[in-house]
Protein backbone atom coordinates (compact mmCIF):
# COMPACT_ATOMS: atom_id res chain seq x y z
CA MET A 1 -176.73 -180.16 19.04
CA LEU A 2 -180.35 -179.94 20.15
CA ALA A 3 -183.38 -179.18 18.05
CA SER A 4 -186.50 -177.47 19.27
CA ALA A 5 -189.28 -179.67 20.59
CA ASP A 6 -191.65 -178.34 17.91
CA THR A 7 -189.42 -178.66 14.85
CA PRO A 8 -187.36 -181.84 14.50
CA HIS A 9 -183.88 -181.06 13.28
CA ALA A 10 -182.88 -182.47 9.89
CA VAL A 11 -179.86 -184.78 10.09
CA ASP A 12 -178.31 -187.38 7.81
CA LEU A 13 -178.56 -190.53 9.89
CA ALA A 14 -180.00 -191.90 13.12
CA ILE A 15 -178.77 -195.28 14.36
CA HIS A 16 -180.95 -196.82 17.08
CA ALA A 17 -179.13 -199.68 18.78
CA ARG A 18 -179.86 -202.15 21.56
CA TRP A 19 -176.45 -201.32 23.07
CA ILE A 20 -173.85 -198.61 22.45
CA ALA A 21 -170.29 -198.92 23.77
CA HIS A 22 -169.70 -195.67 25.63
CA PRO A 23 -166.14 -194.36 26.25
CA SER A 24 -166.78 -194.45 30.00
CA HIS A 25 -166.79 -198.27 29.83
CA THR A 26 -170.54 -198.39 30.24
CA LEU A 27 -173.22 -199.63 27.91
CA LEU A 28 -175.98 -197.31 26.77
CA GLU A 29 -179.15 -199.30 26.17
CA GLN A 30 -181.85 -198.33 23.68
CA HIS A 31 -179.98 -195.20 22.62
CA ALA A 32 -179.44 -193.50 19.29
CA VAL A 33 -176.39 -192.01 17.60
CA ILE A 34 -177.23 -189.00 15.45
CA VAL A 35 -174.96 -188.20 12.48
CA ALA A 36 -174.71 -185.09 10.31
CA ASN A 37 -171.99 -184.14 7.84
CA GLY A 38 -169.96 -187.19 8.74
CA ARG A 39 -169.79 -186.46 12.47
CA ILE A 40 -171.66 -187.58 15.56
CA VAL A 41 -173.84 -184.66 16.67
CA ASP A 42 -175.81 -186.31 19.47
CA ILE A 43 -176.15 -189.47 21.56
CA LEU A 44 -179.39 -189.83 23.47
CA PRO A 45 -182.16 -192.30 24.37
CA SER A 46 -184.13 -193.51 21.39
CA HIS A 47 -187.50 -192.09 22.41
CA PRO A 48 -186.46 -188.40 22.60
CA ALA A 49 -184.23 -188.93 19.54
CA ARG A 50 -187.29 -189.77 17.46
CA GLU A 51 -188.94 -186.55 18.60
CA ARG A 52 -185.97 -184.22 18.19
CA TYR A 53 -184.52 -185.35 14.87
CA ALA A 54 -185.75 -185.92 11.33
CA PRO A 55 -183.07 -188.11 9.77
CA ALA A 56 -182.74 -188.72 6.06
CA GLU A 57 -182.00 -192.34 6.99
CA THR A 58 -182.82 -194.39 10.07
CA MET A 59 -181.22 -197.67 11.08
CA GLU A 60 -183.06 -199.85 13.59
CA LEU A 61 -180.54 -202.22 15.13
CA ASP A 62 -182.36 -204.45 17.59
CA GLU A 63 -179.99 -206.98 19.18
CA HIS A 64 -176.96 -205.10 17.89
CA LEU A 65 -173.97 -203.66 19.73
CA LEU A 66 -172.69 -200.41 18.24
CA ILE A 67 -168.93 -199.91 18.69
CA PRO A 68 -166.38 -197.44 17.34
CA GLY A 69 -164.76 -198.40 14.06
CA LEU A 70 -161.86 -200.75 14.74
CA ILE A 71 -158.35 -199.52 13.94
CA ASN A 72 -155.66 -201.82 12.56
CA LEU A 73 -152.54 -200.09 13.86
CA HIS A 74 -150.01 -202.05 11.80
CA THR A 75 -150.46 -203.46 8.31
CA HIS A 76 -148.63 -204.16 5.08
CA ALA A 77 -151.96 -204.10 3.27
CA ALA A 78 -150.88 -204.98 -0.26
CA MET A 79 -149.26 -208.16 1.03
CA SER A 80 -152.74 -209.65 1.03
CA LEU A 81 -151.69 -210.86 -2.44
CA LEU A 82 -148.95 -212.94 -0.76
CA ARG A 83 -151.23 -214.62 1.78
CA GLY A 84 -150.02 -218.17 2.33
CA VAL A 85 -146.89 -218.11 0.14
CA ALA A 86 -144.40 -218.24 3.03
CA ASP A 87 -146.00 -220.10 5.90
CA ASP A 88 -144.22 -221.96 8.71
CA MET A 89 -140.95 -220.03 8.50
CA PRO A 90 -139.08 -217.86 11.04
CA LEU A 91 -138.90 -214.15 10.29
CA MET A 92 -135.50 -213.81 8.59
CA GLN A 93 -135.97 -216.93 6.45
CA TRP A 94 -139.48 -215.69 5.63
CA LEU A 95 -138.05 -212.34 4.50
CA LYS A 96 -134.92 -213.50 2.70
CA THR A 97 -136.18 -216.59 0.88
CA ARG A 98 -139.73 -215.58 0.01
CA VAL A 99 -140.93 -212.06 0.73
CA TRP A 100 -138.02 -209.96 -0.50
CA PRO A 101 -137.51 -212.02 -3.69
CA LEU A 102 -141.24 -211.88 -4.47
CA GLU A 103 -141.30 -208.13 -3.90
CA ALA A 104 -138.28 -207.70 -6.19
CA ALA A 105 -140.11 -209.61 -8.92
CA LEU A 106 -143.65 -208.27 -8.52
CA LEU A 107 -143.68 -204.90 -6.77
CA SER A 108 -145.44 -202.17 -8.79
CA PRO A 109 -148.16 -199.54 -8.35
CA ARG A 110 -150.70 -202.06 -9.70
CA PHE A 111 -149.62 -204.70 -7.16
CA ILE A 112 -150.07 -202.13 -4.37
CA MET A 113 -153.42 -200.90 -5.71
CA ASP A 114 -154.91 -204.36 -6.12
CA GLY A 115 -153.48 -205.80 -2.91
CA THR A 116 -154.53 -202.83 -0.82
CA GLU A 117 -158.06 -202.85 -2.20
CA LEU A 118 -158.35 -206.55 -1.40
CA ALA A 119 -157.08 -205.87 2.14
CA CYS A 120 -159.48 -202.95 2.60
CA ALA A 121 -162.44 -205.11 1.62
CA GLU A 122 -161.43 -207.80 4.11
CA MET A 123 -160.89 -205.26 6.89
CA LEU A 124 -164.13 -203.36 6.29
CA LEU A 125 -166.14 -206.58 6.36
CA GLY A 126 -164.52 -207.29 9.73
CA GLY A 127 -165.37 -203.89 11.21
CA VAL A 128 -162.01 -202.17 10.62
CA THR A 129 -162.53 -198.58 9.46
CA CYS A 130 -158.94 -197.28 9.64
CA PHE A 131 -155.53 -198.89 9.05
CA ASN A 132 -151.96 -197.72 9.57
CA ASP A 133 -149.87 -199.02 6.68
CA MET A 134 -146.17 -199.51 6.02
CA TYR A 135 -145.43 -200.40 2.43
CA PHE A 136 -144.44 -199.01 -0.95
CA PHE A 137 -146.12 -196.72 -3.53
CA PRO A 138 -148.35 -194.96 -0.96
CA GLU A 139 -150.11 -192.99 -3.69
CA ALA A 140 -151.47 -196.27 -5.09
CA ALA A 141 -152.52 -197.38 -1.59
CA ALA A 142 -154.31 -194.05 -1.12
CA GLU A 143 -156.27 -194.52 -4.34
CA ALA A 144 -157.31 -198.02 -3.25
CA ALA A 145 -158.42 -196.92 0.22
CA VAL A 146 -160.35 -193.91 -1.02
CA GLY A 147 -161.93 -195.96 -3.80
CA ILE A 148 -163.45 -198.37 -1.30
CA GLY A 149 -164.21 -195.61 1.24
CA MET A 150 -161.80 -196.53 4.04
CA ARG A 151 -159.66 -194.37 6.31
CA ALA A 152 -155.89 -194.91 6.01
CA VAL A 153 -152.67 -193.63 7.54
CA LEU A 154 -149.97 -194.36 4.99
CA GLY A 155 -146.30 -194.75 5.74
CA VAL A 156 -143.45 -192.89 4.11
CA THR A 157 -141.42 -196.10 4.14
CA VAL A 158 -137.65 -195.75 4.53
CA LEU A 159 -134.98 -198.36 3.79
CA GLU A 160 -131.30 -198.12 2.95
CA PHE A 161 -131.44 -200.67 0.14
CA PRO A 162 -133.14 -200.30 -3.26
CA SER A 163 -136.50 -201.70 -4.32
CA ALA A 164 -138.79 -201.32 -7.31
CA TYR A 165 -140.09 -198.19 -5.55
CA ALA A 166 -136.94 -196.23 -4.62
CA HIS A 167 -133.13 -196.35 -4.76
CA ASP A 168 -132.01 -195.26 -1.29
CA ALA A 169 -133.26 -193.64 1.91
CA THR A 170 -133.33 -190.15 0.40
CA ASP A 171 -135.32 -191.37 -2.60
CA TYR A 172 -137.81 -193.18 -0.32
CA LEU A 173 -138.34 -190.03 1.74
CA ASP A 174 -138.65 -187.73 -1.25
CA LYS A 175 -141.20 -189.93 -3.00
CA GLY A 176 -143.21 -190.58 0.13
CA LEU A 177 -143.37 -186.91 1.09
CA ALA A 178 -144.39 -186.01 -2.46
CA ALA A 179 -147.30 -188.45 -2.17
CA ARG A 180 -148.22 -186.85 1.15
CA ASP A 181 -148.33 -183.43 -0.51
CA VAL A 182 -150.77 -184.72 -3.12
CA TRP A 183 -153.11 -186.41 -0.61
CA ARG A 184 -152.74 -184.28 2.51
CA GLU A 185 -156.12 -182.51 2.13
CA HIS A 186 -158.18 -185.66 1.67
CA PRO A 187 -160.37 -186.35 4.75
CA LEU A 188 -159.71 -190.12 4.68
CA ILE A 189 -155.94 -190.06 4.17
CA ARG A 190 -153.11 -189.22 6.55
CA PHE A 191 -149.41 -190.04 6.54
CA CYS A 192 -146.70 -191.08 8.95
CA LEU A 193 -142.96 -191.63 8.65
CA ALA A 194 -142.20 -195.34 8.45
CA PRO A 195 -138.54 -196.31 8.80
CA HIS A 196 -138.63 -200.08 8.46
CA ALA A 197 -136.54 -201.14 11.47
CA PRO A 198 -133.30 -200.30 13.30
CA TYR A 199 -131.47 -203.06 11.39
CA SER A 200 -132.45 -201.60 7.99
CA VAL A 201 -132.11 -197.82 8.62
CA SER A 202 -128.92 -195.85 9.27
CA ASP A 203 -128.20 -193.26 11.96
CA ALA A 204 -128.15 -190.49 9.34
CA SER A 205 -131.59 -191.50 8.05
CA PHE A 206 -133.02 -191.73 11.56
CA GLU A 207 -131.71 -188.23 12.32
CA ARG A 208 -133.43 -186.83 9.25
CA ILE A 209 -136.63 -188.71 10.12
CA GLN A 210 -136.59 -187.30 13.64
CA THR A 211 -136.25 -183.77 12.25
CA LEU A 212 -139.07 -184.30 9.74
CA ALA A 213 -141.35 -185.79 12.39
CA ALA A 214 -140.91 -182.70 14.53
CA GLN A 215 -141.32 -180.26 11.64
CA LEU A 216 -144.33 -181.95 10.04
CA GLU A 217 -145.89 -183.31 13.26
CA LEU A 218 -145.97 -186.86 11.92
CA PRO A 219 -145.85 -190.14 13.84
CA ILE A 220 -142.87 -192.48 13.38
CA HIS A 221 -144.02 -196.03 12.66
CA LEU A 222 -141.33 -198.78 12.82
CA HIS A 223 -140.64 -202.38 13.83
CA ILE A 224 -138.72 -202.77 17.09
CA HIS A 225 -137.40 -205.75 19.06
CA GLU A 226 -139.37 -208.29 17.05
CA THR A 227 -136.96 -211.23 17.40
CA ALA A 228 -134.08 -212.25 19.63
CA GLU A 229 -131.89 -212.70 16.54
CA GLU A 230 -132.55 -209.11 15.47
CA ILE A 231 -131.33 -207.86 18.85
CA ARG A 232 -128.27 -210.13 18.80
CA ARG A 233 -127.19 -208.82 15.40
CA HIS A 234 -127.82 -205.24 16.45
CA LEU A 235 -125.56 -205.74 19.47
CA GLU A 236 -122.82 -207.03 17.16
CA GLU A 237 -123.16 -204.17 14.66
CA HIS A 238 -123.91 -201.22 16.95
CA GLY A 239 -122.71 -202.31 20.37
CA CYS A 240 -126.13 -201.75 21.96
CA ARG A 241 -129.72 -202.93 21.85
CA PRO A 242 -132.01 -201.23 19.29
CA LEU A 243 -134.05 -199.19 21.80
CA HIS A 244 -130.89 -197.73 23.31
CA ARG A 245 -129.79 -196.55 19.88
CA LEU A 246 -133.22 -195.12 19.08
CA ASP A 247 -133.19 -193.27 22.41
CA ARG A 248 -129.77 -191.81 21.62
CA LEU A 249 -131.01 -190.68 18.19
CA GLY A 250 -134.08 -188.92 19.64
CA ILE A 251 -136.62 -191.28 18.07
CA LEU A 252 -138.35 -192.24 21.31
CA GLY A 253 -141.29 -190.05 22.28
CA PRO A 254 -145.06 -189.72 21.94
CA GLN A 255 -144.65 -189.72 18.16
CA LEU A 256 -143.24 -193.29 18.18
CA ILE A 257 -145.46 -196.20 17.11
CA GLY A 258 -143.25 -199.20 17.85
CA VAL A 259 -144.43 -202.46 16.31
CA HIS A 260 -144.09 -205.88 17.98
CA ALA A 261 -141.82 -205.02 20.96
CA VAL A 262 -141.62 -208.71 21.83
CA HIS A 263 -138.19 -208.86 23.46
CA LEU A 264 -138.00 -206.12 26.08
CA LEU A 265 -136.01 -205.85 29.28
CA ALA A 266 -137.57 -204.27 32.37
CA ASP A 267 -135.56 -201.06 31.95
CA GLU A 268 -136.64 -200.85 28.29
CA ILE A 269 -140.30 -201.03 29.27
CA ALA A 270 -139.62 -198.22 31.75
CA THR A 271 -137.90 -196.22 28.98
CA LEU A 272 -140.89 -196.63 26.69
CA ALA A 273 -143.21 -195.49 29.49
CA ARG A 274 -141.02 -192.54 30.45
CA ASN A 275 -140.95 -191.32 26.84
CA ASN A 276 -144.73 -191.80 26.34
CA CYS A 277 -144.13 -194.14 23.41
CA ASN A 278 -146.87 -196.18 21.73
CA ILE A 279 -146.62 -199.91 21.08
CA VAL A 280 -148.49 -202.04 18.54
CA HIS A 281 -149.22 -205.55 19.73
CA CYS A 282 -149.51 -208.07 16.86
CA PRO A 283 -150.17 -211.32 18.74
CA ALA A 284 -151.09 -213.61 15.82
CA SER A 285 -148.10 -212.59 13.69
CA ASN A 286 -145.74 -212.87 16.66
CA LEU A 287 -146.95 -216.41 17.30
CA LYS A 288 -147.00 -217.53 13.67
CA LEU A 289 -143.43 -216.36 13.00
CA GLY A 290 -142.25 -217.87 16.26
CA SER A 291 -141.08 -214.46 17.44
CA GLY A 292 -142.29 -214.85 21.01
CA PHE A 293 -144.70 -213.32 23.50
CA ALA A 294 -144.79 -209.54 23.93
CA PRO A 295 -144.84 -208.42 27.61
CA VAL A 296 -148.21 -206.73 27.25
CA ALA A 297 -149.19 -207.00 30.91
CA GLU A 298 -145.98 -205.27 31.96
CA LEU A 299 -146.35 -202.57 29.30
CA LEU A 300 -149.90 -201.82 30.41
CA GLU A 301 -148.92 -201.84 34.06
CA GLN A 302 -146.23 -199.23 33.33
CA GLY A 303 -148.80 -197.05 31.53
CA VAL A 304 -147.55 -197.58 27.97
CA ASN A 305 -150.24 -196.94 25.36
CA VAL A 306 -150.74 -200.26 23.53
CA GLY A 307 -152.79 -200.65 20.35
CA LEU A 308 -153.51 -203.68 18.17
CA GLY A 309 -152.38 -204.63 14.68
CA THR A 310 -152.53 -207.68 12.47
CA ASP A 311 -149.28 -207.21 10.53
CA GLY A 312 -149.60 -208.26 6.88
CA ALA A 313 -151.68 -211.13 5.55
CA ALA A 314 -148.44 -212.86 4.52
CA SER A 315 -147.55 -213.42 8.17
CA ASN A 316 -150.89 -213.59 10.00
CA ASN A 317 -152.79 -214.70 7.66
CA ARG A 318 -155.92 -212.70 8.53
CA LEU A 319 -156.58 -208.98 8.78
CA ASP A 320 -158.99 -209.60 11.63
CA ILE A 321 -158.81 -207.20 14.57
CA LEU A 322 -161.69 -208.88 16.40
CA ALA A 323 -159.60 -212.07 16.46
CA GLU A 324 -156.55 -210.10 17.65
CA MET A 325 -158.57 -208.68 20.55
CA ARG A 326 -159.45 -212.15 21.79
CA LEU A 327 -155.96 -213.52 21.29
CA ALA A 328 -154.32 -210.53 22.98
CA SER A 329 -156.53 -210.88 26.04
CA LEU A 330 -156.02 -214.62 26.35
CA LEU A 331 -152.24 -214.39 25.90
CA ALA A 332 -151.97 -211.64 28.51
CA LYS A 333 -153.90 -213.75 31.01
CA GLY A 334 -151.87 -216.86 30.29
CA ALA A 335 -148.48 -215.12 30.34
CA SER A 336 -149.20 -213.18 33.52
CA GLY A 337 -151.05 -215.94 35.37
CA ASP A 338 -153.73 -213.38 36.18
CA ALA A 339 -157.22 -213.93 34.74
CA ARG A 340 -158.01 -210.27 35.45
CA CYS A 341 -155.31 -209.06 33.06
CA LEU A 342 -156.49 -207.29 29.88
CA PRO A 343 -160.27 -207.54 30.41
CA ALA A 344 -162.73 -207.19 27.56
CA TRP A 345 -163.21 -203.41 27.76
CA GLN A 346 -159.45 -202.88 27.75
CA ALA A 347 -159.08 -205.13 24.72
CA LEU A 348 -161.69 -203.03 22.91
CA ASP A 349 -159.81 -199.87 23.91
CA MET A 350 -156.62 -201.31 22.41
CA ALA A 351 -158.43 -201.80 19.09
CA THR A 352 -160.03 -198.34 19.13
CA ILE A 353 -159.11 -195.35 21.29
CA ASN A 354 -155.58 -196.55 22.15
CA SER A 355 -154.77 -196.97 18.47
CA ALA A 356 -156.35 -193.62 17.65
CA ARG A 357 -154.18 -192.01 20.35
CA ALA A 358 -151.05 -193.57 18.87
CA LEU A 359 -151.92 -191.98 15.53
CA GLY A 360 -152.61 -188.59 17.11
CA MET A 361 -156.26 -188.95 16.05
CA GLU A 362 -157.95 -189.51 19.42
CA ASN A 363 -159.99 -186.31 19.00
CA GLU A 364 -161.35 -187.54 15.67
CA ILE A 365 -161.91 -191.30 15.90
CA GLY A 366 -161.62 -194.19 18.35
CA SER A 367 -164.75 -193.73 20.47
CA ILE A 368 -168.44 -192.93 20.08
CA ALA A 369 -168.56 -189.33 21.26
CA ILE A 370 -170.24 -186.11 20.15
CA GLY A 371 -168.05 -184.21 17.71
CA LYS A 372 -166.07 -187.20 16.51
CA ARG A 373 -166.18 -188.62 13.02
CA ALA A 374 -168.90 -191.21 12.57
CA ASP A 375 -166.75 -194.32 12.09
CA LEU A 376 -169.09 -196.96 13.52
CA VAL A 377 -169.63 -200.72 13.49
CA ALA A 378 -172.79 -202.69 14.30
CA VAL A 379 -172.24 -206.23 15.57
CA ARG A 380 -175.28 -208.48 15.77
CA MET A 381 -175.35 -210.30 19.10
CA ASP A 382 -178.23 -212.78 18.75
CA ALA A 383 -176.61 -215.63 16.82
CA LEU A 384 -176.94 -219.05 18.38
CA ALA A 385 -173.22 -219.05 19.17
CA LEU A 386 -173.69 -215.79 21.09
CA SER A 387 -176.79 -216.81 23.02
CA PRO A 388 -177.60 -216.03 25.75
CA CYS A 389 -175.90 -212.64 25.91
CA PHE A 390 -175.30 -211.40 29.46
CA ASP A 391 -172.48 -208.96 28.65
CA PRO A 392 -172.18 -207.68 25.05
CA ILE A 393 -168.61 -206.38 25.45
CA SER A 394 -167.46 -209.69 26.90
CA HIS A 395 -169.18 -211.50 24.03
CA LEU A 396 -167.60 -209.12 21.51
CA VAL A 397 -164.09 -210.04 22.67
CA TYR A 398 -164.43 -213.68 23.70
CA ALA A 399 -167.24 -215.12 21.56
CA ALA A 400 -168.08 -212.98 18.51
CA GLY A 401 -166.23 -213.02 15.21
CA ARG A 402 -166.02 -210.87 12.13
CA GLU A 403 -168.88 -212.91 10.67
CA ASP A 404 -171.12 -211.13 13.21
CA VAL A 405 -170.33 -207.66 11.82
CA ARG A 406 -173.47 -206.47 10.01
CA HIS A 407 -173.01 -202.78 9.19
CA VAL A 408 -170.01 -200.45 8.94
CA TRP A 409 -169.91 -196.67 8.50
CA VAL A 410 -166.89 -194.50 7.70
CA GLU A 411 -167.34 -190.76 8.11
CA GLY A 412 -171.09 -191.39 8.34
CA CYS A 413 -171.22 -193.20 4.98
CA CYS A 414 -172.36 -196.81 4.96
CA ARG A 415 -169.60 -199.06 3.57
CA VAL A 416 -170.95 -202.46 4.68
CA GLN A 417 -174.67 -203.17 4.83
CA ASP A 418 -176.10 -206.51 5.93
CA LYS A 419 -172.62 -208.07 5.73
CA MET A 420 -172.10 -206.96 2.14
CA LEU A 421 -169.81 -204.30 0.74
CA LEU A 422 -171.91 -201.35 -0.34
CA HIS A 423 -170.61 -201.65 -3.88
CA GLY A 424 -171.35 -205.32 -4.41
CA GLU A 425 -169.60 -205.47 -7.77
CA LYS A 426 -166.28 -204.98 -6.01
CA THR A 427 -166.44 -208.44 -4.48
CA SER A 428 -166.43 -210.32 -7.79
CA ASN A 429 -163.90 -207.91 -9.30
CA LEU A 430 -161.56 -208.42 -6.35
CA LYS A 431 -161.84 -212.19 -6.57
CA ASN A 432 -160.97 -212.11 -10.28
CA CYS A 433 -158.06 -209.79 -9.56
CA ALA A 434 -156.78 -212.07 -6.80
CA ARG A 435 -156.86 -215.05 -9.20
CA LEU A 436 -154.75 -213.16 -11.73
CA TRP A 437 -152.16 -212.33 -9.08
CA GLN A 438 -152.26 -215.91 -7.81
CA ASN A 439 -151.22 -217.06 -11.27
CA ARG A 440 -148.37 -214.54 -11.42
CA VAL A 441 -147.07 -215.38 -7.96
CA SER A 442 -147.36 -219.13 -8.61
CA ALA A 443 -145.44 -218.79 -11.87
CA TYR A 444 -142.62 -217.09 -9.98
CA LEU A 445 -142.60 -219.60 -7.12
CA LYS A 446 -142.36 -222.78 -9.23
CA PRO A 447 -138.83 -222.29 -10.60
CA ASN A 448 -137.75 -220.86 -7.22
CA ALA A 449 -139.25 -223.57 -5.00
CA ASP A 450 -137.16 -224.58 -2.01
């Protein structure tokens, strides 16, 4: 969109930055991003931008790097209220002795609302503008995300066993799809189908999910091959490894967002590549639960689209995608023995455009490009710990932290300004809310202590 030289064009926002991360893996220096009606309408050098446009608001970001909003491709957001209650345990003990009993005792729409809002605040302050969630009561999660101004893709979670949310797989699907019908027109909310895992979902449910995914054009978001024990039990119960069963049931394809994928054979990596599947790498959670090291270098070499997720705060214990970028890159180098593996730009892609592609949203978010939604993050690069700065993208991945995030926009609306949530009152309210839930969780844990 160009305005005449004589009459500057009225727009909502102009962001002038020292550096802008361009999708071509180049840095634009002293450029401006022009925003109108929630979308990026122009990207051009700062000097002509000042002549062509008359913005309602101008942001001058000297010494800042402007990047696309980060995408957390796998969360259980409301589990932020369970941060630290089940540390130093392997996955199945973690689930059976702590997480599932706590959920049985505490799960409710209010738990989801409060926990998701707390998670959204943490993620926004760390530059995350969109998250892909798998949990219960998605209508409550939607209210929390919209209330704080964050983009969310919410899972229609499916399990075979009952919870406080639903009785069986059919009930989970019916309730989740009803929530989708209510929220489907909201610009910040989308849905996906979220069968929990091969060990917790039946063939009949997977067949219905596959049909619904095709009919409704929804992604399928599920855990796969997270632990060696999971695969061993699946072999005993089904006579094959989980991916083989999912392939037989028609689940593999570009709609699949497979989480963890730690324990993969060479032919399984080739199968994922051949079916254009998407994988979510959750390095911190994989390490903390002792699950192992995902073969990220091999996945990338085969052309598999890999995004980044944190998992829930109960198993990470941070919802920090900047930290996941650094850890993913370092692990890939160490595991492969190749220092060139997963360089900084590729790590940023995993946290942005790769994750957007997995969600089917690559034409809307994930890069700073004309026509896309203005989900943007400004990272200040002149702190002492970041000085001198020879390569801003390298610094972003290997040196910067979420404490360096200064401003965050979602759909062109400022949500974090000068490291503070736009609605400052939310911070104290969230802290008070977290204390109340801490008391409730602690009261449950004391008589049930190991």
